[in-house]
Amino acid sequence: MRFVYTADHEPPHAHVIGDGEARIDIETLTVMTQGNMSDRDVRREVAVIEDHRQLFLDTWRLYHG
């Protein structure tokens, strides 16, 4: 599951929860935190966010300006 919290902090990032969790910077695709999520799963999630980057950025800006 990938989501953006409505009351969160900069930089724009998405939270990913599955078998573990991670926070991924939407603009740079940098992994900010990784908790018990395999490197393989994190790479897959980064690719998904990259493929839908504009949607994630638009959603972030909708809530955070």
C-alpha atoms as a PDB file:
ATOM      1  CA  MET A   1       0.000   0.000   0.000  1.00  0.00           C
ATOM      2  CA  ARG A   2       1.324   3.434  -0.946  1.00  0.00           C
ATOM      3  CA  PHE A   3      -0.005   6.671   0.474  1.00  0.00           C
ATOM      4  CA  VAL A   4       0.653  10.297   1.367  1.00  0.00           C
ATOM      5  CA  TYR A   5      -0.347  11.518   4.829  1.00  0.00           C
ATOM      6  CA  THR A   6      -2.455  14.675   4.837  1.00  0.00           C
ATOM      7  CA  ALA A   7      -0.544  16.213   7.765  1.00  0.00           C
ATOM      8  CA  ASP A   8       3.090  15.439   7.053  1.00  0.00           C
ATOM      9  CA  HIS A   9       6.435  17.210   6.651  1.00  0.00           C
ATOM     10  CA  GLU A  10       8.764  18.097   3.793  1.00  0.00           C
ATOM     11  CA  PRO A  11      10.252  16.784   1.603  1.00  0.00           C
ATOM     12  CA  PRO A  12       7.398  15.359  -0.468  1.00  0.00           C
ATOM     13  CA  HIS A  13       7.418  11.635   0.196  1.00  0.00           C
ATOM     14  CA  ALA A  14       5.246   8.549   0.059  1.00  0.00           C
ATOM     15  CA  HIS A  15       4.821   5.936   2.742  1.00  0.00           C
ATOM     16  CA  VAL A  16       4.882   2.302   1.673  1.00  0.00           C
ATOM     17  CA  ILE A  17       3.580  -0.519   3.842  1.00  0.00           C
ATOM     18  CA  GLY A  18       3.670  -4.200   2.975  1.00  0.00           C
ATOM     19  CA  ASP A  19       6.109  -6.772   4.277  1.00  0.00           C
ATOM     20  CA  GLY A  20       7.827  -3.999   6.195  1.00  0.00           C
ATOM     21  CA  GLU A  21       7.698  -0.298   5.518  1.00  0.00           C
ATOM     22  CA  ALA A  22       9.586   2.505   3.821  1.00  0.00           C
ATOM     23  CA  ARG A  23       9.412   6.231   3.089  1.00  0.00           C
ATOM     24  CA  ILE A  24      10.435   7.311  -0.396  1.00  0.00           C
ATOM     25  CA  ASP A  25      11.169  10.871  -1.521  1.00  0.00           C
ATOM     26  CA  ILE A  26       8.884  11.489  -4.493  1.00  0.00           C
ATOM     27  CA  GLU A  27      11.122  14.055  -6.186  1.00  0.00           C
ATOM     28  CA  THR A  28      14.504  12.321  -5.901  1.00  0.00           C
ATOM     29  CA  LEU A  29      13.271   8.725  -5.458  1.00  0.00           C
ATOM     30  CA  THR A  30      15.603   8.444  -2.475  1.00  0.00           C
ATOM     31  CA  VAL A  31      14.722   5.904   0.190  1.00  0.00           C
ATOM     32  CA  MET A  32      14.390   8.008   3.342  1.00  0.00           C
ATOM     33  CA  THR A  33      13.719   5.128   5.755  1.00  0.00           C
ATOM     34  CA  GLN A  34      13.423   1.393   5.400  1.00  0.00           C
ATOM     35  CA  GLY A  35      12.016  -0.780   8.170  1.00  0.00           C
ATOM     36  CA  ASN A  36      12.008  -4.553   7.692  1.00  0.00           C
ATOM     37  CA  MET A  37      11.251  -4.257   3.964  1.00  0.00           C
ATOM     38  CA  SER A  38      13.545  -6.206   1.664  1.00  0.00           C
ATOM     39  CA  ASP A  39      15.797  -4.285  -0.698  1.00  0.00           C
ATOM     40  CA  ARG A  40      14.045  -6.004  -3.596  1.00  0.00           C
ATOM     41  CA  ASP A  41      10.611  -4.815  -2.438  1.00  0.00           C
ATOM     42  CA  VAL A  42      11.919  -1.300  -1.867  1.00  0.00           C
ATOM     43  CA  ARG A  43      13.359  -1.180  -5.400  1.00  0.00           C
ATOM     44  CA  ARG A  44      10.006  -2.344  -6.746  1.00  0.00           C
ATOM     45  CA  GLU A  45       8.175   0.376  -4.782  1.00  0.00           C
ATOM     46  CA  VAL A  46      10.606   3.052  -5.973  1.00  0.00           C
ATOM     47  CA  ALA A  47       9.860   1.958  -9.550  1.00  0.00           C
ATOM     48  CA  VAL A  48       6.101   2.202  -8.949  1.00  0.00           C
ATOM     49  CA  ILE A  49       6.453   5.687  -7.469  1.00  0.00           C
ATOM     50  CA  GLU A  50       8.679   6.705 -10.380  1.00  0.00           C
ATOM     51  CA  ASP A  51       6.077   5.439 -12.866  1.00  0.00           C
ATOM     52  CA  HIS A  52       3.367   7.469 -11.114  1.00  0.00           C
ATOM     53  CA  ARG A  53       5.512  10.332  -9.856  1.00  0.00           C
ATOM     54  CA  GLN A  54       3.242  13.095 -11.139  1.00  0.00           C
ATOM     55  CA  LEU A  55       0.209  11.592  -9.391  1.00  0.00           C
ATOM     56  CA  PHE A  56       2.119  11.374  -6.104  1.00  0.00           C
ATOM     57  CA  LEU A  57       3.393  14.959  -6.469  1.00  0.00           C
ATOM     58  CA  ASP A  58      -0.081  16.244  -7.333  1.00  0.00           C
ATOM     59  CA  THR A  59      -1.510  14.459  -4.302  1.00  0.00           C
ATOM     60  CA  TRP A  60       1.236  15.856  -2.064  1.00  0.00           C
ATOM     61  CA  ARG A  61       0.612  19.406  -3.334  1.00  0.00           C
ATOM     62  CA  LEU A  62      -3.148  19.024  -2.887  1.00  0.00           C
ATOM     63  CA  TYR A  63      -2.634  18.498   0.850  1.00  0.00           C
ATOM     64  CA  HIS A  64       0.533  20.496   1.505  1.00  0.00           C
ATOM     65  CA  GLY A  65       0.434  23.329  -1.026  1.00  0.00           C
END
